[in-house]
Amino acid sequence: MTKSLLLLGGARSGKSRFAQQLAEASGRSPVLIATAEALDEEMADRITSHAASRGERWTLIEEPVALTAVLGREARADRILVIDCLTLWLSKLILEKADVAGAARELAGSIGALAGPVIFVSNEVGLGIVPENVLARRFRDEQGRLNQAMAAACEAVVLVTAGLPLCLKPSPGARIFF
């Protein structure tokens, strides 16, 4: 049984939908740990749309920053946690001028001790052009480092492109079960 999964993909690649499908098929109580904040109308609409697609079976926990603490508190064998998404969590840390590297190490280091399965959703942002400004380049670099740390710490890694999952770890073609 897989205990930790990192789902990577571009924007609107289907990674959140795939995470939801895996969680619902697991037979466990699904819990979404949402890192997004409705700071504008467009983001509020996205959050509403995601909530509508989940339904009442899901428990929602909103936490934009203290992700490691929430995971430790909420992970249980009878639940499956979906963290959606690490990209927004990282953005918040960068904007708050937090210790990004330390937070990433702490998060990745906590995975092995969690009491139940978890799915992390994160954007792959390093496949495009080089950003034109310092903040955007820093974000791209930090996201790449975070994804590498999470991929090393998680038992399984899946890349989702155009709604199609490709298993990268433990090996291509493997099936992920919770």
N, C-alpha and C. Protein backbone atom coordinates (compact mmCIF):
# COMPACT_ATOMS: atom_id res chain seq x y z
N MET A 1 0.84 -1.18 0.00
CA MET A 1 0.00 0.00 0.00
C MET A 1 0.89 1.24 0.00
N THR A 2 0.55 2.18 -0.86
CA THR A 2 1.28 3.44 -0.94
C THR A 2 0.82 4.35 0.19
N LYS A 3 1.76 4.94 0.88
CA LYS A 3 1.42 5.85 1.98
C LYS A 3 1.55 7.31 1.58
N SER A 4 2.41 7.62 0.62
CA SER A 4 2.60 9.01 0.21
C SER A 4 2.79 9.09 -1.30
N LEU A 5 2.09 10.05 -1.90
CA LEU A 5 2.10 10.23 -3.34
C LEU A 5 2.26 11.71 -3.66
N LEU A 6 3.16 12.02 -4.57
CA LEU A 6 3.29 13.37 -5.11
C LEU A 6 2.73 13.37 -6.52
N LEU A 7 1.73 14.22 -6.76
CA LEU A 7 1.16 14.40 -8.10
C LEU A 7 1.68 15.70 -8.67
N LEU A 8 2.37 15.62 -9.78
CA LEU A 8 2.91 16.79 -10.46
C LEU A 8 2.18 17.01 -11.77
N GLY A 9 2.14 18.25 -12.21
CA GLY A 9 1.56 18.57 -13.51
C GLY A 9 1.47 20.07 -13.68
N GLY A 10 1.18 20.47 -14.89
CA GLY A 10 1.00 21.89 -15.18
C GLY A 10 -0.37 22.36 -14.73
N ALA A 11 -0.62 23.64 -14.94
CA ALA A 11 -1.93 24.21 -14.62
C ALA A 11 -2.99 23.53 -15.48
N ARG A 12 -4.09 23.16 -14.84
CA ARG A 12 -5.23 22.53 -15.52
C ARG A 12 -4.85 21.22 -16.23
N SER A 13 -3.90 20.52 -15.65
CA SER A 13 -3.46 19.25 -16.24
C SER A 13 -4.33 18.07 -15.83
N GLY A 14 -5.18 18.25 -14.79
CA GLY A 14 -6.01 17.17 -14.28
C GLY A 14 -5.49 16.56 -12.99
N LYS A 15 -4.45 17.15 -12.42
CA LYS A 15 -3.85 16.55 -11.22
C LYS A 15 -4.78 16.61 -10.01
N SER A 16 -5.52 17.68 -9.82
CA SER A 16 -6.46 17.75 -8.69
C SER A 16 -7.59 16.75 -8.86
N ARG A 17 -8.09 16.63 -10.05
CA ARG A 17 -9.16 15.66 -10.32
C ARG A 17 -8.66 14.24 -10.09
N PHE A 18 -7.43 13.96 -10.52
CA PHE A 18 -6.86 12.63 -10.31
C PHE A 18 -6.67 12.35 -8.82
N ALA A 19 -6.20 13.34 -8.07
CA ALA A 19 -6.05 13.18 -6.62
C ALA A 19 -7.40 12.88 -5.98
N GLN A 20 -8.44 13.59 -6.40
CA GLN A 20 -9.78 13.37 -5.87
C GLN A 20 -10.25 11.95 -6.17
N GLN A 21 -10.05 11.50 -7.39
CA GLN A 21 -10.46 10.14 -7.77
C GLN A 21 -9.74 9.08 -6.94
N LEU A 22 -8.44 9.24 -6.76
CA LEU A 22 -7.68 8.28 -5.95
C LEU A 22 -8.17 8.27 -4.51
N ALA A 23 -8.39 9.45 -3.95
CA ALA A 23 -8.84 9.54 -2.56
C ALA A 23 -10.21 8.89 -2.39
N GLU A 24 -11.12 9.16 -3.30
CA GLU A 24 -12.47 8.61 -3.19
C GLU A 24 -12.49 7.10 -3.40
N ALA A 25 -11.56 6.60 -4.19
CA ALA A 25 -11.50 5.15 -4.43
C ALA A 25 -10.76 4.40 -3.32
N SER A 26 -10.15 5.13 -2.39
CA SER A 26 -9.33 4.50 -1.36
C SER A 26 -10.13 3.78 -0.29
N GLY A 27 -11.40 4.12 -0.13
CA GLY A 27 -12.20 3.54 0.93
C GLY A 27 -12.01 4.23 2.27
N ARG A 28 -11.17 5.25 2.30
CA ARG A 28 -10.93 6.01 3.52
C ARG A 28 -11.75 7.31 3.48
N SER A 29 -11.85 7.97 4.61
CA SER A 29 -12.51 9.27 4.67
C SER A 29 -11.59 10.31 4.05
N PRO A 30 -12.03 10.98 2.97
CA PRO A 30 -11.16 11.95 2.31
C PRO A 30 -11.18 13.31 3.01
N VAL A 31 -9.98 13.88 3.17
CA VAL A 31 -9.81 15.19 3.79
C VAL A 31 -8.98 16.03 2.83
N LEU A 32 -9.52 17.19 2.47
CA LEU A 32 -8.77 18.12 1.64
C LEU A 32 -8.15 19.18 2.53
N ILE A 33 -6.84 19.31 2.43
CA ILE A 33 -6.15 20.41 3.09
C ILE A 33 -5.84 21.42 1.99
N ALA A 34 -6.60 22.50 1.99
CA ALA A 34 -6.52 23.51 0.94
C ALA A 34 -5.58 24.62 1.37
N THR A 35 -4.64 24.94 0.50
CA THR A 35 -3.68 26.00 0.81
C THR A 35 -4.06 27.33 0.16
N ALA A 36 -5.08 27.33 -0.69
CA ALA A 36 -5.49 28.54 -1.39
C ALA A 36 -6.24 29.48 -0.47
N GLU A 37 -6.11 30.75 -0.76
CA GLU A 37 -6.88 31.78 -0.07
C GLU A 37 -7.64 32.58 -1.12
N ALA A 38 -8.89 32.90 -0.83
CA ALA A 38 -9.73 33.65 -1.76
C ALA A 38 -9.41 35.14 -1.64
N LEU A 39 -8.30 35.55 -2.22
CA LEU A 39 -7.88 36.95 -2.12
C LEU A 39 -8.45 37.81 -3.23
N ASP A 40 -9.07 37.18 -4.23
CA ASP A 40 -9.74 37.92 -5.29
C ASP A 40 -10.93 37.09 -5.79
N GLU A 41 -11.75 37.69 -6.62
CA GLU A 41 -12.98 37.04 -7.07
C GLU A 41 -12.71 35.78 -7.91
N GLU A 42 -11.69 35.84 -8.75
CA GLU A 42 -11.37 34.68 -9.60
C GLU A 42 -10.95 33.49 -8.75
N MET A 43 -10.13 33.72 -7.72
CA MET A 43 -9.70 32.62 -6.85
C MET A 43 -10.89 32.11 -6.03
N ALA A 44 -11.76 32.99 -5.61
CA ALA A 44 -12.97 32.57 -4.89
C ALA A 44 -13.82 31.66 -5.76
N ASP A 45 -13.93 31.99 -7.04
CA ASP A 45 -14.69 31.14 -7.98
C ASP A 45 -14.03 29.77 -8.14
N ARG A 46 -12.70 29.74 -8.22
CA ARG A 46 -11.99 28.46 -8.32
C ARG A 46 -12.24 27.59 -7.09
N ILE A 47 -12.16 28.20 -5.92
CA ILE A 47 -12.37 27.48 -4.67
C ILE A 47 -13.79 26.92 -4.61
N THR A 48 -14.76 27.72 -5.00
CA THR A 48 -16.16 27.29 -5.03
C THR A 48 -16.35 26.12 -6.00
N SER A 49 -15.74 26.20 -7.15
CA SER A 49 -15.84 25.13 -8.15
C SER A 49 -15.24 23.83 -7.63
N HIS A 50 -14.07 23.91 -7.00
CA HIS A 50 -13.44 22.72 -6.43
C HIS A 50 -14.31 22.11 -5.34
N ALA A 51 -14.88 22.96 -4.49
CA ALA A 51 -15.74 22.47 -3.40
C ALA A 51 -16.96 21.75 -3.96
N ALA A 52 -17.55 22.29 -5.01
CA ALA A 52 -18.74 21.68 -5.61
C ALA A 52 -18.42 20.31 -6.20
N SER A 53 -17.22 20.15 -6.73
CA SER A 53 -16.85 18.87 -7.34
C SER A 53 -16.60 17.78 -6.30
N ARG A 54 -16.29 18.17 -5.06
CA ARG A 54 -15.99 17.19 -4.01
C ARG A 54 -17.23 16.62 -3.36
N GLY A 55 -18.18 17.44 -3.07
CA GLY A 55 -19.38 16.95 -2.39
C GLY A 55 -19.21 16.90 -0.88
N GLU A 56 -20.23 16.39 -0.23
CA GLU A 56 -20.32 16.42 1.24
C GLU A 56 -19.48 15.37 1.95
N ARG A 57 -19.04 14.37 1.22
CA ARG A 57 -18.25 13.30 1.84
C ARG A 57 -16.89 13.80 2.36
N TRP A 58 -16.42 14.86 1.77
CA TRP A 58 -15.10 15.39 2.07
C TRP A 58 -15.12 16.30 3.29
N THR A 59 -14.04 16.24 4.07
CA THR A 59 -13.78 17.21 5.13
C THR A 59 -12.80 18.23 4.56
N LEU A 60 -13.05 19.50 4.81
CA LEU A 60 -12.19 20.56 4.32
C LEU A 60 -11.45 21.23 5.48
N ILE A 61 -10.14 21.35 5.32
CA ILE A 61 -9.31 22.10 6.26
C ILE A 61 -8.54 23.13 5.44
N GLU A 62 -8.69 24.39 5.77
CA GLU A 62 -7.99 25.45 5.05
C GLU A 62 -6.77 25.87 5.85
N GLU A 63 -5.59 25.72 5.25
CA GLU A 63 -4.35 26.09 5.92
C GLU A 63 -3.32 26.54 4.89
N PRO A 64 -3.11 27.85 4.77
CA PRO A 64 -2.17 28.35 3.77
C PRO A 64 -0.69 28.28 4.16
N VAL A 65 -0.36 28.09 5.45
CA VAL A 65 1.04 28.17 5.86
C VAL A 65 1.50 26.99 6.71
N ALA A 66 0.81 26.67 7.79
CA ALA A 66 1.27 25.68 8.78
C ALA A 66 0.96 24.25 8.34
N LEU A 67 1.43 23.90 7.17
CA LEU A 67 1.08 22.62 6.54
C LEU A 67 1.62 21.42 7.32
N THR A 68 2.86 21.46 7.74
CA THR A 68 3.46 20.32 8.44
C THR A 68 2.71 20.02 9.74
N ALA A 69 2.35 21.05 10.48
CA ALA A 69 1.61 20.86 11.73
C ALA A 69 0.23 20.25 11.47
N VAL A 70 -0.45 20.73 10.45
CA VAL A 70 -1.78 20.21 10.12
C VAL A 70 -1.69 18.74 9.71
N LEU A 71 -0.70 18.40 8.91
CA LEU A 71 -0.52 17.00 8.50
C LEU A 71 -0.33 16.09 9.71
N GLY A 72 0.54 16.50 10.61
CA GLY A 72 0.79 15.71 11.80
C GLY A 72 -0.44 15.52 12.66
N ARG A 73 -1.26 16.54 12.72
CA ARG A 73 -2.47 16.50 13.53
C ARG A 73 -3.61 15.70 12.86
N GLU A 74 -3.72 15.77 11.54
CA GLU A 74 -4.88 15.23 10.83
C GLU A 74 -4.68 13.84 10.23
N ALA A 75 -3.44 13.41 10.02
CA ALA A 75 -3.19 12.11 9.38
C ALA A 75 -3.60 10.98 10.31
N ARG A 76 -4.41 10.07 9.79
CA ARG A 76 -4.85 8.87 10.52
C ARG A 76 -5.03 7.74 9.53
N ALA A 77 -4.98 6.53 10.00
CA ALA A 77 -5.09 5.36 9.13
C ALA A 77 -6.43 5.27 8.42
N ASP A 78 -7.49 5.81 9.02
CA ASP A 78 -8.81 5.70 8.42
C ASP A 78 -9.12 6.86 7.48
N ARG A 79 -8.18 7.77 7.30
CA ARG A 79 -8.35 8.94 6.43
C ARG A 79 -7.33 8.93 5.31
N ILE A 80 -7.63 9.67 4.26
CA ILE A 80 -6.64 9.97 3.24
C ILE A 80 -6.64 11.49 3.06
N LEU A 81 -5.47 12.09 3.22
CA LEU A 81 -5.34 13.53 3.10
C LEU A 81 -4.89 13.89 1.69
N VAL A 82 -5.50 14.93 1.15
CA VAL A 82 -5.09 15.49 -0.13
C VAL A 82 -4.69 16.93 0.13
N ILE A 83 -3.44 17.26 -0.17
CA ILE A 83 -2.94 18.62 0.00
C ILE A 83 -2.96 19.26 -1.37
N ASP A 84 -3.78 20.28 -1.53
CA ASP A 84 -3.93 20.94 -2.83
C ASP A 84 -3.88 22.44 -2.61
N CYS A 85 -2.76 23.08 -2.86
CA CYS A 85 -1.59 22.50 -3.49
C CYS A 85 -0.32 23.08 -2.88
N LEU A 86 0.77 22.40 -3.10
CA LEU A 86 2.06 22.85 -2.58
C LEU A 86 2.52 24.14 -3.25
N THR A 87 2.08 24.38 -4.46
CA THR A 87 2.49 25.58 -5.20
C THR A 87 1.98 26.85 -4.52
N LEU A 88 0.72 26.83 -4.11
CA LEU A 88 0.17 28.00 -3.42
C LEU A 88 0.79 28.16 -2.03
N TRP A 89 1.06 27.03 -1.37
CA TRP A 89 1.74 27.06 -0.08
C TRP A 89 3.11 27.73 -0.22
N LEU A 90 3.87 27.30 -1.21
CA LEU A 90 5.19 27.87 -1.46
C LEU A 90 5.10 29.36 -1.78
N SER A 91 4.14 29.74 -2.60
CA SER A 91 3.95 31.16 -2.95
C SER A 91 3.75 31.99 -1.70
N LYS A 92 2.90 31.50 -0.81
CA LYS A 92 2.63 32.23 0.44
C LYS A 92 3.91 32.36 1.27
N LEU A 93 4.69 31.28 1.37
CA LEU A 93 5.95 31.35 2.13
C LEU A 93 6.91 32.37 1.54
N ILE A 94 7.03 32.39 0.23
CA ILE A 94 7.92 33.34 -0.43
C ILE A 94 7.47 34.77 -0.18
N LEU A 95 6.18 35.02 -0.33
CA LEU A 95 5.66 36.37 -0.13
C LEU A 95 5.78 36.83 1.32
N GLU A 96 5.72 35.88 2.26
CA GLU A 96 5.89 36.22 3.67
C GLU A 96 7.35 36.27 4.09
N LYS A 97 8.26 36.04 3.12
CA LYS A 97 9.70 36.05 3.38
C LYS A 97 10.10 35.03 4.46
N ALA A 98 9.43 33.88 4.42
CA ALA A 98 9.70 32.79 5.36
C ALA A 98 10.94 32.02 4.92
N ASP A 99 11.41 31.15 5.78
CA ASP A 99 12.53 30.27 5.47
C ASP A 99 11.99 29.13 4.59
N VAL A 100 12.00 29.35 3.29
CA VAL A 100 11.42 28.40 2.35
C VAL A 100 12.15 27.06 2.38
N ALA A 101 13.46 27.10 2.34
CA ALA A 101 14.24 25.86 2.35
C ALA A 101 13.98 25.06 3.62
N GLY A 102 13.94 25.75 4.76
CA GLY A 102 13.67 25.07 6.03
C GLY A 102 12.28 24.48 6.07
N ALA A 103 11.29 25.21 5.58
CA ALA A 103 9.91 24.71 5.55
C ALA A 103 9.79 23.50 4.64
N ALA A 104 10.48 23.53 3.50
CA ALA A 104 10.45 22.40 2.58
C ALA A 104 11.10 21.17 3.21
N ARG A 105 12.23 21.36 3.88
CA ARG A 105 12.90 20.24 4.56
C ARG A 105 12.00 19.66 5.65
N GLU A 106 11.37 20.54 6.42
CA GLU A 106 10.48 20.09 7.49
C GLU A 106 9.30 19.29 6.92
N LEU A 107 8.70 19.79 5.86
CA LEU A 107 7.57 19.09 5.25
C LEU A 107 7.99 17.73 4.72
N ALA A 108 9.03 17.70 3.91
CA ALA A 108 9.50 16.43 3.34
C ALA A 108 9.93 15.47 4.44
N GLY A 109 10.56 15.98 5.48
CA GLY A 109 11.01 15.13 6.58
C GLY A 109 9.89 14.56 7.42
N SER A 110 8.71 15.17 7.37
CA SER A 110 7.58 14.71 8.18
C SER A 110 6.81 13.56 7.54
N ILE A 111 7.00 13.33 6.27
CA ILE A 111 6.15 12.39 5.53
C ILE A 111 6.23 10.97 6.09
N GLY A 112 7.41 10.49 6.38
CA GLY A 112 7.58 9.13 6.87
C GLY A 112 6.90 8.84 8.19
N ALA A 113 6.68 9.86 9.00
CA ALA A 113 6.08 9.67 10.33
C ALA A 113 4.57 9.85 10.35
N LEU A 114 3.96 10.17 9.22
CA LEU A 114 2.52 10.41 9.19
C LEU A 114 1.76 9.11 9.45
N ALA A 115 0.67 9.21 10.18
CA ALA A 115 -0.11 8.04 10.61
C ALA A 115 -1.07 7.53 9.55
N GLY A 116 -1.14 8.17 8.41
CA GLY A 116 -2.06 7.73 7.36
C GLY A 116 -1.59 8.22 6.00
N PRO A 117 -2.26 7.78 4.94
CA PRO A 117 -1.83 8.12 3.58
C PRO A 117 -2.12 9.58 3.23
N VAL A 118 -1.28 10.10 2.33
CA VAL A 118 -1.40 11.49 1.92
C VAL A 118 -1.03 11.63 0.44
N ILE A 119 -1.78 12.51 -0.23
CA ILE A 119 -1.51 12.85 -1.63
C ILE A 119 -1.18 14.34 -1.68
N PHE A 120 -0.01 14.66 -2.22
CA PHE A 120 0.41 16.04 -2.39
C PHE A 120 0.24 16.43 -3.85
N VAL A 121 -0.40 17.55 -4.11
CA VAL A 121 -0.58 18.07 -5.46
C VAL A 121 0.36 19.27 -5.61
N SER A 122 1.13 19.29 -6.70
CA SER A 122 2.08 20.37 -6.91
C SER A 122 2.25 20.65 -8.40
N ASN A 123 2.48 21.90 -8.73
CA ASN A 123 2.69 22.26 -10.13
C ASN A 123 4.13 22.01 -10.56
N GLU A 124 4.27 21.55 -11.77
CA GLU A 124 5.58 21.47 -12.43
C GLU A 124 5.70 22.75 -13.24
N VAL A 125 6.57 23.65 -12.82
CA VAL A 125 6.67 24.95 -13.48
C VAL A 125 7.98 25.14 -14.24
N GLY A 126 8.85 24.16 -14.23
CA GLY A 126 10.16 24.31 -14.84
C GLY A 126 10.24 23.93 -16.30
N LEU A 127 9.13 23.69 -16.96
CA LEU A 127 9.16 23.26 -18.34
C LEU A 127 8.96 24.40 -19.33
N GLY A 128 8.74 25.61 -18.83
CA GLY A 128 8.44 26.75 -19.70
C GLY A 128 9.64 27.65 -19.89
N ILE A 129 9.34 28.88 -20.25
CA ILE A 129 10.38 29.87 -20.49
C ILE A 129 10.97 30.37 -19.18
N VAL A 130 12.14 30.98 -19.26
CA VAL A 130 12.77 31.58 -18.09
C VAL A 130 12.01 32.87 -17.77
N PRO A 131 11.49 32.98 -16.54
CA PRO A 131 10.74 34.19 -16.18
C PRO A 131 11.60 35.44 -16.30
N GLU A 132 10.94 36.57 -16.54
CA GLU A 132 11.67 37.82 -16.79
C GLU A 132 12.05 38.61 -15.54
N ASN A 133 11.48 38.24 -14.37
CA ASN A 133 11.81 39.03 -13.19
C ASN A 133 12.36 38.16 -12.07
N VAL A 134 13.00 38.80 -11.11
CA VAL A 134 13.70 38.11 -10.04
C VAL A 134 12.75 37.26 -9.20
N LEU A 135 11.60 37.81 -8.80
CA LEU A 135 10.66 37.07 -7.97
C LEU A 135 10.14 35.83 -8.69
N ALA A 136 9.80 35.96 -9.95
CA ALA A 136 9.29 34.82 -10.71
C ALA A 136 10.36 33.75 -10.90
N ARG A 137 11.61 34.17 -11.13
CA ARG A 137 12.69 33.19 -11.25
C ARG A 137 12.95 32.50 -9.92
N ARG A 138 12.88 33.25 -8.83
CA ARG A 138 13.06 32.63 -7.51
C ARG A 138 11.96 31.61 -7.26
N PHE A 139 10.72 31.99 -7.57
CA PHE A 139 9.61 31.07 -7.38
C PHE A 139 9.82 29.79 -8.19
N ARG A 140 10.17 29.91 -9.46
CA ARG A 140 10.39 28.74 -10.30
C ARG A 140 11.47 27.85 -9.72
N ASP A 141 12.56 28.44 -9.26
CA ASP A 141 13.67 27.67 -8.70
C ASP A 141 13.26 26.98 -7.39
N GLU A 142 12.57 27.72 -6.51
CA GLU A 142 12.13 27.14 -5.24
C GLU A 142 11.11 26.03 -5.48
N GLN A 143 10.22 26.20 -6.45
CA GLN A 143 9.23 25.16 -6.75
C GLN A 143 9.93 23.90 -7.24
N GLY A 144 10.95 24.07 -8.07
CA GLY A 144 11.71 22.92 -8.54
C GLY A 144 12.41 22.19 -7.40
N ARG A 145 13.00 22.95 -6.49
CA ARG A 145 13.66 22.33 -5.34
C ARG A 145 12.65 21.63 -4.42
N LEU A 146 11.51 22.27 -4.18
CA LEU A 146 10.47 21.66 -3.35
C LEU A 146 9.98 20.36 -3.99
N ASN A 147 9.72 20.38 -5.28
CA ASN A 147 9.25 19.17 -5.96
C ASN A 147 10.29 18.05 -5.87
N GLN A 148 11.56 18.39 -5.99
CA GLN A 148 12.60 17.36 -5.87
C GLN A 148 12.63 16.76 -4.47
N ALA A 149 12.52 17.62 -3.45
CA ALA A 149 12.54 17.12 -2.06
C ALA A 149 11.32 16.24 -1.80
N MET A 150 10.17 16.66 -2.28
CA MET A 150 8.95 15.87 -2.06
C MET A 150 9.01 14.56 -2.84
N ALA A 151 9.53 14.59 -4.05
CA ALA A 151 9.64 13.37 -4.84
C ALA A 151 10.56 12.36 -4.17
N ALA A 152 11.64 12.84 -3.57
CA ALA A 152 12.55 11.95 -2.85
C ALA A 152 11.89 11.37 -1.61
N ALA A 153 11.06 12.15 -0.94
CA ALA A 153 10.45 11.71 0.32
C ALA A 153 9.21 10.84 0.12
N CYS A 154 8.48 11.04 -0.95
CA CYS A 154 7.24 10.28 -1.19
C CYS A 154 7.55 8.90 -1.78
N GLU A 155 6.70 7.94 -1.45
CA GLU A 155 6.86 6.59 -1.98
C GLU A 155 6.55 6.51 -3.47
N ALA A 156 5.64 7.37 -3.95
CA ALA A 156 5.24 7.34 -5.35
C ALA A 156 5.16 8.75 -5.90
N VAL A 157 5.45 8.90 -7.19
CA VAL A 157 5.35 10.18 -7.89
C VAL A 157 4.67 9.92 -9.23
N VAL A 158 3.65 10.74 -9.53
CA VAL A 158 2.92 10.61 -10.79
C VAL A 158 2.88 11.98 -11.45
N LEU A 159 3.17 12.02 -12.74
CA LEU A 159 3.06 13.22 -13.55
C LEU A 159 1.74 13.14 -14.30
N VAL A 160 0.92 14.18 -14.20
CA VAL A 160 -0.36 14.22 -14.90
C VAL A 160 -0.26 15.28 -15.99
N THR A 161 -0.50 14.87 -17.22
CA THR A 161 -0.49 15.77 -18.36
C THR A 161 -1.72 15.49 -19.20
N ALA A 162 -2.48 16.53 -19.51
CA ALA A 162 -3.71 16.40 -20.31
C ALA A 162 -4.65 15.35 -19.71
N GLY A 163 -4.68 15.28 -18.39
CA GLY A 163 -5.55 14.34 -17.69
C GLY A 163 -5.06 12.92 -17.64
N LEU A 164 -3.88 12.67 -18.18
CA LEU A 164 -3.33 11.31 -18.22
C LEU A 164 -2.20 11.16 -17.21
N PRO A 165 -2.31 10.19 -16.29
CA PRO A 165 -1.26 9.98 -15.29
C PRO A 165 -0.13 9.10 -15.83
N LEU A 166 1.08 9.49 -15.54
CA LEU A 166 2.27 8.70 -15.88
C LEU A 166 3.04 8.47 -14.59
N CYS A 167 3.16 7.23 -14.18
CA CYS A 167 3.86 6.90 -12.94
C CYS A 167 5.37 7.03 -13.15
N LEU A 168 6.00 7.89 -12.36
CA LEU A 168 7.45 8.09 -12.42
C LEU A 168 8.17 7.30 -11.35
N LYS A 169 7.50 7.08 -10.22
CA LYS A 169 8.11 6.37 -9.10
C LYS A 169 6.98 5.64 -8.40
N PRO A 170 7.09 4.38 -8.11
CA PRO A 170 8.29 3.60 -8.02
C PRO A 170 8.87 3.16 -9.36
N SER A 171 8.02 2.99 -10.39
CA SER A 171 8.53 2.68 -11.72
C SER A 171 7.42 2.97 -12.72
N PRO A 172 7.80 3.36 -13.95
CA PRO A 172 6.78 3.60 -14.95
C PRO A 172 5.89 2.39 -15.15
N GLY A 173 4.61 2.64 -15.25
CA GLY A 173 3.66 1.54 -15.42
C GLY A 173 3.10 0.98 -14.14
N ALA A 174 3.67 1.33 -12.98
CA ALA A 174 3.17 0.83 -11.71
C ALA A 174 1.81 1.46 -11.42
N ARG A 175 0.99 0.76 -10.66
CA ARG A 175 -0.31 1.30 -10.25
C ARG A 175 -0.21 1.76 -8.81
N ILE A 176 -0.89 2.83 -8.53
CA ILE A 176 -0.86 3.43 -7.19
C ILE A 176 -2.13 3.05 -6.47
N PHE A 177 -2.01 2.42 -5.31
CA PHE A 177 -3.16 2.02 -4.49
C PHE A 177 -3.04 2.63 -3.11
N PHE A 178 -4.16 2.98 -2.53
CA PHE A 178 -4.19 3.45 -1.16
C PHE A 178 -5.07 2.54 -0.36
